[in-house]
N, C-alpha and C. Protein backbone atom coordinates (compact mmCIF):
# COMPACT_ATOMS: atom_id res chain seq x y z
N UNK A 1 48.63 -3.45 21.99
CA UNK A 1 47.89 -2.20 21.71
C UNK A 1 47.62 -2.13 20.12
N UNK A 2 48.23 -2.79 19.25
CA UNK A 2 47.91 -2.91 17.88
C UNK A 2 46.49 -3.58 17.60
N UNK A 3 46.64 -4.88 18.43
CA UNK A 3 45.39 -5.66 18.39
C UNK A 3 44.09 -4.99 18.92
N UNK A 4 44.32 -4.10 19.89
CA UNK A 4 43.05 -3.63 20.39
C UNK A 4 42.52 -2.55 19.29
N UNK A 5 43.48 -1.74 18.63
CA UNK A 5 43.11 -0.88 17.56
C UNK A 5 42.50 -1.58 16.38
N UNK A 6 42.96 -2.74 16.11
CA UNK A 6 42.29 -3.49 14.89
C UNK A 6 40.98 -3.95 15.36
N UNK A 7 40.83 -4.43 16.47
CA UNK A 7 39.37 -4.84 16.99
C UNK A 7 38.40 -3.66 17.23
N UNK A 8 39.04 -2.60 17.45
CA UNK A 8 38.18 -1.27 17.49
C UNK A 8 37.76 -0.87 16.26
N UNK A 9 38.65 -0.90 15.34
CA UNK A 9 38.33 -0.52 13.90
C UNK A 9 37.42 -1.46 13.25
N UNK A 10 37.44 -2.87 13.50
CA UNK A 10 36.48 -3.91 13.09
C UNK A 10 35.03 -3.46 13.67
N UNK A 11 35.10 -3.15 14.71
CA UNK A 11 33.73 -2.92 15.51
C UNK A 11 33.09 -1.76 15.04
N UNK A 12 33.88 -0.58 14.62
CA UNK A 12 33.36 0.54 14.14
C UNK A 12 32.93 0.23 12.74
N UNK A 13 33.66 -0.34 11.96
CA UNK A 13 33.24 -0.77 10.59
C UNK A 13 31.85 -1.57 10.43
N UNK A 14 31.84 -2.42 11.57
CA UNK A 14 30.58 -3.36 11.68
C UNK A 14 29.28 -2.63 11.99
N UNK A 15 29.49 -1.45 12.93
CA UNK A 15 28.51 -0.72 13.36
C UNK A 15 27.89 0.17 12.33
N UNK A 16 28.89 0.73 11.56
CA UNK A 16 28.41 1.48 10.33
C UNK A 16 27.89 0.79 9.39
N UNK A 17 28.35 -0.48 9.00
CA UNK A 17 27.64 -1.30 7.88
C UNK A 17 26.19 -1.65 8.34
N UNK A 18 25.95 -2.08 9.59
CA UNK A 18 24.72 -2.45 10.06
C UNK A 18 23.75 -1.30 9.94
N UNK A 19 24.29 -0.07 10.34
CA UNK A 19 23.33 1.14 10.33
C UNK A 19 22.98 1.38 8.86
N UNK A 20 23.96 1.30 7.94
CA UNK A 20 23.69 1.47 6.53
C UNK A 20 22.56 0.50 5.97
N UNK A 21 22.63 -0.73 6.35
CA UNK A 21 21.78 -1.88 5.89
C UNK A 21 20.48 -1.25 6.52
N UNK A 22 20.16 -1.03 7.72
CA UNK A 22 18.87 -0.82 8.26
C UNK A 22 18.40 0.56 7.75
N UNK A 23 19.08 1.40 7.26
CA UNK A 23 18.64 2.81 6.60
C UNK A 23 18.15 2.12 5.19
N UNK A 24 18.87 1.39 4.32
CA UNK A 24 18.46 1.12 3.20
C UNK A 24 17.15 0.31 3.12
N UNK A 25 16.96 -0.54 4.19
CA UNK A 25 15.95 -1.25 4.35
C UNK A 25 14.57 -0.46 4.67
N UNK A 26 14.69 0.60 5.47
CA UNK A 26 13.68 1.62 5.60
C UNK A 26 13.19 2.31 4.40
N UNK A 27 14.12 2.37 3.20
CA UNK A 27 13.81 3.11 2.07
C UNK A 27 13.16 2.28 0.99
N UNK A 28 13.12 1.00 1.34
CA UNK A 28 12.53 0.26 0.27
C UNK A 28 11.11 0.57 -0.27
N UNK A 29 10.26 0.98 0.59
CA UNK A 29 8.97 1.25 0.28
C UNK A 29 8.35 2.47 0.99
N UNK A 30 7.85 3.34 0.32
CA UNK A 30 7.15 4.52 0.84
C UNK A 30 5.67 4.17 1.15
N UNK A 31 5.37 4.07 2.49
CA UNK A 31 4.08 3.59 2.78
C UNK A 31 2.91 4.56 2.34
N UNK A 32 3.26 5.69 2.14
CA UNK A 32 2.37 6.81 1.81
C UNK A 32 2.14 6.77 0.27
N UNK A 33 3.03 6.13 -0.42
CA UNK A 33 3.23 6.31 -1.88
C UNK A 33 2.09 5.48 -2.68
N UNK A 34 1.49 4.43 -2.37
CA UNK A 34 0.61 3.81 -3.03
C UNK A 34 -0.82 4.21 -2.66
N UNK A 35 -1.81 3.72 -3.61
CA UNK A 35 -3.20 4.24 -3.61
C UNK A 35 -3.66 3.63 -2.42
N UNK A 36 -3.37 2.37 -2.18
CA UNK A 36 -4.00 1.61 -0.95
C UNK A 36 -3.78 2.37 0.28
N UNK A 37 -2.55 2.68 0.51
CA UNK A 37 -2.15 3.48 1.84
C UNK A 37 -2.91 4.68 1.87
N UNK A 38 -2.90 5.43 0.87
CA UNK A 38 -3.70 6.77 0.85
C UNK A 38 -5.15 6.58 1.30
N UNK A 39 -5.54 5.59 0.56
CA UNK A 39 -7.26 5.33 0.85
C UNK A 39 -7.57 5.05 2.43
N UNK A 40 -6.59 4.08 2.88
CA UNK A 40 -6.80 3.56 4.20
C UNK A 40 -6.50 4.65 5.00
N UNK A 41 -5.52 5.32 4.81
CA UNK A 41 -5.05 6.48 5.99
C UNK A 41 -6.20 7.57 5.97
N UNK A 42 -6.80 7.87 4.76
CA UNK A 42 -7.86 8.76 4.83
C UNK A 42 -9.12 8.11 5.69
N UNK A 43 -9.27 6.89 5.30
CA UNK A 43 -10.53 6.39 5.84
C UNK A 43 -10.31 6.25 7.38
N UNK A 44 -9.23 5.92 7.78
CA UNK A 44 -8.87 6.05 9.27
C UNK A 44 -8.88 7.30 9.85
N UNK A 45 -8.49 8.34 9.34
CA UNK A 45 -8.45 9.66 9.78
C UNK A 45 -10.10 10.00 10.04
N UNK A 46 -10.84 9.79 8.92
CA UNK A 46 -12.30 9.97 8.97
C UNK A 46 -13.03 9.48 10.17
N UNK A 47 -12.68 7.81 10.23
CA UNK A 47 -13.34 7.07 11.33
C UNK A 47 -13.03 7.55 12.76
N UNK A 48 -11.66 7.77 12.93
CA UNK A 48 -11.04 8.42 14.24
C UNK A 48 -11.69 9.66 14.62
N UNK A 49 -11.96 10.52 13.61
CA UNK A 49 -12.58 11.76 13.93
C UNK A 49 -13.95 11.87 13.76
N UNK A 50 -14.67 10.87 13.70
CA UNK A 50 -16.17 10.87 13.39
C UNK A 50 -16.82 12.01 14.27
N UNK A 51 -16.67 12.22 15.47
CA UNK A 51 -17.50 12.94 16.22
C UNK A 51 -17.05 14.38 15.97
N UNK A 52 -15.86 14.69 15.86
CA UNK A 52 -15.44 16.05 15.42
C UNK A 52 -16.01 16.46 13.84
N UNK A 53 -16.00 15.50 13.00
CA UNK A 53 -16.41 15.80 11.70
C UNK A 53 -18.06 15.73 11.61
N UNK A 54 -18.66 15.28 12.62
CA UNK A 54 -20.15 15.20 12.99
C UNK A 54 -20.82 14.22 11.99
N UNK A 55 -20.17 12.93 11.83
CA UNK A 55 -20.71 12.00 11.06
C UNK A 55 -22.02 11.21 11.63
N UNK A 56 -23.07 11.06 10.79
CA UNK A 56 -24.11 10.24 11.22
C UNK A 56 -23.71 8.86 11.54
N UNK A 57 -24.47 8.05 12.16
CA UNK A 57 -24.45 6.58 12.30
C UNK A 57 -24.51 5.89 10.95
N UNK A 58 -25.38 6.55 9.93
CA UNK A 58 -25.39 5.91 8.72
C UNK A 58 -24.02 6.17 7.81
N UNK A 59 -23.56 7.36 7.95
CA UNK A 59 -22.37 7.51 7.46
C UNK A 59 -21.20 6.78 7.81
N UNK A 60 -21.13 6.53 9.12
CA UNK A 60 -20.05 5.59 9.68
C UNK A 60 -20.31 4.10 9.19
N UNK A 61 -21.50 3.67 9.15
CA UNK A 61 -21.84 2.30 8.76
C UNK A 61 -21.31 2.13 7.04
N UNK A 62 -21.65 3.18 6.31
CA UNK A 62 -21.31 3.09 4.98
C UNK A 62 -19.82 3.14 4.90
N UNK A 63 -19.14 4.01 5.63
CA UNK A 63 -17.57 4.17 5.37
C UNK A 63 -17.13 2.63 6.01
N UNK A 64 -17.55 2.19 7.04
CA UNK A 64 -17.13 0.79 7.44
C UNK A 64 -17.42 -0.27 6.44
N UNK A 65 -18.37 -0.26 5.82
CA UNK A 65 -18.84 -1.18 4.78
C UNK A 65 -17.96 -0.95 3.48
N UNK A 66 -17.63 0.26 3.25
CA UNK A 66 -16.63 0.40 1.97
C UNK A 66 -15.32 0.05 2.24
N UNK A 67 -14.78 0.32 3.55
CA UNK A 67 -13.50 -0.20 3.87
C UNK A 67 -13.37 -1.60 3.94
N UNK A 68 -14.48 -2.52 4.39
CA UNK A 68 -14.43 -3.78 4.26
C UNK A 68 -14.38 -4.48 2.99
N UNK A 69 -15.30 -3.94 1.96
CA UNK A 69 -15.34 -4.36 0.62
C UNK A 69 -14.23 -4.08 -0.16
N UNK A 70 -13.59 -2.88 0.13
CA UNK A 70 -12.46 -2.31 -0.59
C UNK A 70 -11.06 -3.50 -0.28
N UNK A 71 -11.17 -3.71 1.18
CA UNK A 71 -9.91 -4.53 1.51
C UNK A 71 -10.11 -6.00 0.96
N UNK A 72 -11.35 -6.46 1.00
CA UNK A 72 -11.55 -7.86 0.35
C UNK A 72 -11.22 -7.86 -1.03
N UNK A 73 -11.64 -6.82 -1.77
CA UNK A 73 -11.33 -6.95 -3.33
C UNK A 73 -9.80 -6.60 -3.46
N UNK A 74 -9.11 -5.86 -2.66
CA UNK A 74 -7.89 -5.86 -2.83
C UNK A 74 -7.03 -6.95 -2.58
N UNK A 75 -7.38 -7.83 -1.58
CA UNK A 75 -6.71 -8.92 -1.30
C UNK A 75 -7.05 -10.00 -2.51
N UNK A 76 -8.17 -10.04 -3.00
CA UNK A 76 -8.60 -10.90 -3.99
C UNK A 76 -7.63 -10.64 -5.19
N UNK A 77 -7.64 -9.22 -5.41
CA UNK A 77 -6.64 -8.93 -6.71
C UNK A 77 -5.34 -9.20 -6.60
N UNK A 78 -4.74 -9.03 -5.36
CA UNK A 78 -3.34 -9.26 -4.88
C UNK A 78 -2.98 -10.77 -5.01
N UNK A 79 -3.88 -11.64 -4.78
CA UNK A 79 -3.78 -12.99 -4.77
C UNK A 79 -3.60 -13.43 -6.27
N UNK A 80 -4.66 -12.89 -7.11
CA UNK A 80 -4.67 -13.16 -8.47
C UNK A 80 -3.30 -12.69 -9.00
N UNK A 81 -2.87 -11.71 -8.83
CA UNK A 81 -1.46 -11.01 -9.30
C UNK A 81 -0.43 -11.80 -8.84
N UNK A 82 -0.31 -12.35 -7.72
CA UNK A 82 0.75 -13.28 -7.26
C UNK A 82 0.73 -14.47 -7.80
N UNK A 83 -0.44 -14.99 -8.22
CA UNK A 83 -0.59 -16.35 -8.73
C UNK A 83 -0.21 -16.29 -10.35
N UNK A 84 -0.41 -15.14 -10.90
CA UNK A 84 0.09 -14.99 -12.38
C UNK A 84 1.44 -14.87 -12.29
N UNK A 85 2.16 -14.21 -11.34
CA UNK A 85 3.65 -13.96 -11.22
C UNK A 85 4.16 -15.29 -11.07
N UNK A 86 3.57 -16.28 -10.41
CA UNK A 86 4.17 -17.66 -10.24
C UNK A 86 4.07 -18.22 -11.66
N UNK A 87 2.85 -18.16 -12.21
CA UNK A 87 2.85 -18.85 -13.63
C UNK A 87 3.75 -18.25 -14.53
N UNK A 88 4.05 -17.04 -14.41
CA UNK A 88 4.89 -16.39 -15.19
C UNK A 88 6.39 -17.01 -15.08
N UNK A 89 6.76 -17.10 -13.90
CA UNK A 89 8.03 -17.78 -13.38
C UNK A 89 8.13 -19.13 -14.08
N UNK A 90 6.98 -19.74 -13.84
CA UNK A 90 7.00 -21.35 -14.30
C UNK A 90 7.10 -21.31 -15.74
N UNK A 91 6.45 -20.48 -16.43
CA UNK A 91 6.54 -20.47 -17.98
C UNK A 91 7.91 -20.21 -18.25
N UNK A 92 8.60 -19.35 -17.61
CA UNK A 92 10.12 -19.11 -17.87
C UNK A 92 11.11 -20.21 -17.71
N UNK A 93 10.62 -20.91 -16.76
CA UNK A 93 11.63 -22.00 -16.48
C UNK A 93 11.61 -23.23 -17.42
N UNK A 94 10.45 -23.30 -18.17
CA UNK A 94 10.48 -24.26 -19.43
C UNK A 94 11.64 -24.23 -20.22
N UNK A 95 12.05 -25.48 -20.91
CA UNK A 95 13.11 -25.51 -21.66
C UNK A 95 12.77 -24.71 -23.07
N UNK A 96 11.58 -24.90 -23.47
CA UNK A 96 11.00 -24.26 -24.69
C UNK A 96 10.18 -23.22 -24.20
N UNK A 97 10.42 -21.98 -24.27
CA UNK A 97 9.56 -21.04 -23.53
C UNK A 97 8.71 -20.57 -24.72
N UNK A 98 7.32 -20.77 -24.38
CA UNK A 98 6.17 -20.21 -25.18
C UNK A 98 6.06 -18.85 -25.13
N UNK A 99 6.55 -17.90 -25.97
CA UNK A 99 6.51 -16.35 -25.71
C UNK A 99 4.96 -16.01 -25.49
N UNK A 100 4.15 -16.55 -26.43
CA UNK A 100 2.77 -16.04 -26.57
C UNK A 100 2.16 -16.30 -25.18
N UNK A 101 2.26 -17.39 -24.54
CA UNK A 101 1.73 -17.79 -23.19
C UNK A 101 2.12 -16.84 -22.26
N UNK A 102 3.56 -16.57 -22.20
CA UNK A 102 4.12 -15.88 -21.11
C UNK A 102 3.64 -14.33 -21.34
N UNK A 103 3.52 -13.86 -22.55
CA UNK A 103 3.05 -12.50 -22.77
C UNK A 103 1.76 -12.32 -22.37
N UNK A 104 0.90 -13.25 -22.74
CA UNK A 104 -0.49 -13.26 -22.43
C UNK A 104 -0.63 -13.08 -20.71
N UNK A 105 0.22 -14.04 -20.25
CA UNK A 105 0.21 -13.92 -18.52
C UNK A 105 0.57 -12.47 -18.05
N UNK A 106 1.63 -11.98 -18.62
CA UNK A 106 2.02 -10.70 -18.20
C UNK A 106 0.99 -9.66 -18.67
N UNK A 107 0.23 -9.67 -19.74
CA UNK A 107 -0.77 -8.83 -20.05
C UNK A 107 -1.89 -8.84 -18.94
N UNK A 108 -2.36 -10.07 -18.64
CA UNK A 108 -3.29 -10.31 -17.69
C UNK A 108 -2.87 -9.88 -16.32
N UNK A 109 -1.62 -10.00 -15.92
CA UNK A 109 -1.15 -9.64 -14.53
C UNK A 109 -1.26 -8.09 -14.44
N UNK A 110 -0.93 -7.42 -15.53
CA UNK A 110 -0.72 -5.86 -15.46
C UNK A 110 -2.28 -5.34 -15.72
N UNK A 111 -3.04 -5.94 -16.51
CA UNK A 111 -4.47 -5.62 -16.44
C UNK A 111 -5.08 -5.77 -15.10
N UNK A 112 -4.73 -6.72 -14.31
CA UNK A 112 -5.34 -6.83 -12.91
C UNK A 112 -4.74 -5.73 -11.98
N UNK A 113 -3.43 -5.33 -12.25
CA UNK A 113 -2.81 -4.30 -11.41
C UNK A 113 -3.69 -3.04 -11.72
N UNK A 114 -4.04 -2.77 -13.15
CA UNK A 114 -4.60 -1.73 -13.33
C UNK A 114 -6.13 -1.55 -12.73
N UNK A 115 -6.81 -2.78 -12.87
CA UNK A 115 -8.15 -2.73 -12.23
C UNK A 115 -7.91 -2.51 -10.76
N UNK A 116 -7.00 -3.14 -10.09
CA UNK A 116 -6.80 -2.80 -8.63
C UNK A 116 -6.81 -1.37 -8.34
N UNK A 117 -5.85 -0.61 -9.04
CA UNK A 117 -5.57 0.78 -8.91
C UNK A 117 -6.84 1.64 -9.08
N UNK A 118 -7.70 1.24 -10.24
CA UNK A 118 -8.84 2.07 -10.43
C UNK A 118 -9.87 1.66 -9.35
N UNK A 119 -9.96 0.38 -8.91
CA UNK A 119 -11.06 0.15 -7.74
C UNK A 119 -10.55 1.13 -6.54
N UNK A 120 -9.31 1.24 -6.34
CA UNK A 120 -8.92 2.15 -5.02
C UNK A 120 -9.35 3.65 -5.24
N UNK A 121 -9.12 4.08 -6.47
CA UNK A 121 -9.46 5.42 -6.84
C UNK A 121 -11.18 5.49 -6.71
N UNK A 122 -11.79 4.61 -7.28
CA UNK A 122 -13.27 4.59 -7.18
C UNK A 122 -13.71 4.74 -5.66
N UNK A 123 -13.02 3.76 -4.98
CA UNK A 123 -13.36 3.64 -3.46
C UNK A 123 -13.08 5.06 -2.88
N UNK A 124 -12.02 5.62 -3.24
CA UNK A 124 -11.62 7.03 -2.67
C UNK A 124 -12.80 7.97 -3.09
N UNK A 125 -13.14 7.94 -4.08
CA UNK A 125 -14.24 8.79 -4.62
C UNK A 125 -15.50 8.62 -3.92
N UNK A 126 -16.08 7.31 -3.64
CA UNK A 126 -17.02 7.05 -2.90
C UNK A 126 -16.86 7.48 -1.31
N UNK A 127 -15.81 7.35 -0.72
CA UNK A 127 -15.59 7.91 0.48
C UNK A 127 -15.75 9.32 0.59
N UNK A 128 -15.21 10.06 -0.49
CA UNK A 128 -15.56 11.51 -0.60
C UNK A 128 -17.13 12.02 -0.55
N UNK A 129 -17.73 11.06 -1.39
CA UNK A 129 -19.11 11.40 -1.75
C UNK A 129 -19.96 11.02 -0.45
N UNK A 130 -19.53 10.35 0.44
CA UNK A 130 -20.33 10.07 1.70
C UNK A 130 -20.33 11.13 2.67
N UNK A 131 -19.24 11.91 2.57
CA UNK A 131 -19.06 13.07 3.32
C UNK A 131 -19.74 14.31 2.68
N UNK A 132 -20.39 15.18 3.53
CA UNK A 132 -20.86 16.44 2.97
C UNK A 132 -19.76 17.36 2.76
N UNK A 133 -20.23 18.48 2.18
CA UNK A 133 -19.07 19.39 1.71
C UNK A 133 -18.35 19.99 3.15
N UNK A 134 -19.11 20.32 3.89
CA UNK A 134 -18.84 20.86 5.18
C UNK A 134 -17.91 19.82 6.08
N UNK A 135 -18.27 18.46 6.07
CA UNK A 135 -17.41 17.36 6.77
C UNK A 135 -16.17 17.46 5.68
N UNK A 136 -16.01 17.54 4.45
CA UNK A 136 -14.83 17.51 3.79
C UNK A 136 -13.93 18.68 3.96
N UNK A 137 -14.36 19.83 4.35
CA UNK A 137 -13.74 20.95 4.70
C UNK A 137 -12.98 20.63 6.15
N UNK A 138 -13.69 20.41 7.16
CA UNK A 138 -13.42 19.76 8.34
C UNK A 138 -12.16 19.01 8.19
N UNK A 139 -12.32 17.93 7.37
CA UNK A 139 -11.38 16.98 7.16
C UNK A 139 -10.12 17.60 6.62
N UNK A 140 -10.27 18.43 5.78
CA UNK A 140 -8.83 19.04 5.23
C UNK A 140 -8.17 19.83 6.40
N UNK A 141 -9.04 20.46 7.18
CA UNK A 141 -8.34 21.17 8.34
C UNK A 141 -7.71 20.16 9.22
N UNK A 142 -8.32 19.04 9.59
CA UNK A 142 -7.64 17.99 10.41
C UNK A 142 -6.38 17.46 9.62
N UNK A 143 -6.48 17.14 8.61
CA UNK A 143 -5.29 16.74 7.79
C UNK A 143 -4.10 17.67 7.74
N UNK A 144 -4.57 18.89 7.67
CA UNK A 144 -3.42 20.05 7.69
C UNK A 144 -2.72 20.02 9.11
N UNK A 145 -3.67 19.80 10.09
CA UNK A 145 -3.21 19.91 11.32
C UNK A 145 -2.37 18.62 11.91
N UNK A 146 -2.58 17.76 10.88
CA UNK A 146 -1.89 16.22 11.20
C UNK A 146 -2.52 15.41 12.18
N UNK A 147 -3.76 15.40 12.26
CA UNK A 147 -4.59 14.68 13.32
C UNK A 147 -4.89 13.33 12.65
């Protein structure tokens, strides 16, 4: 009887700990928190509801071109940022760390992050400028309804 109780308690503890780990994992990153997610979410909402918004073929083409160009540029910037992060780590592994070199790499990394964020904001502005005021109002209504 005592062995069964101990086994049962261990199983309960294991189940609770795995639930906690999965809950923590889900809280790591808010997908709607970054600029890229907001831009792509808005873009997909517009494209999925193009008929309801009354988009012309030219508007749809501009939107798809904007999405493609933005995604390509975002990938380029992310790759450069990742490579700089590797260079920074490599500089930190050196026996004699050259602080000026590492600081320059850090400055460059965050300059690229700033450029990436500004590019996403600019793309969002372009997205909104492609839509007419009437279409923007319809889009607000769609977003409020959660479509």
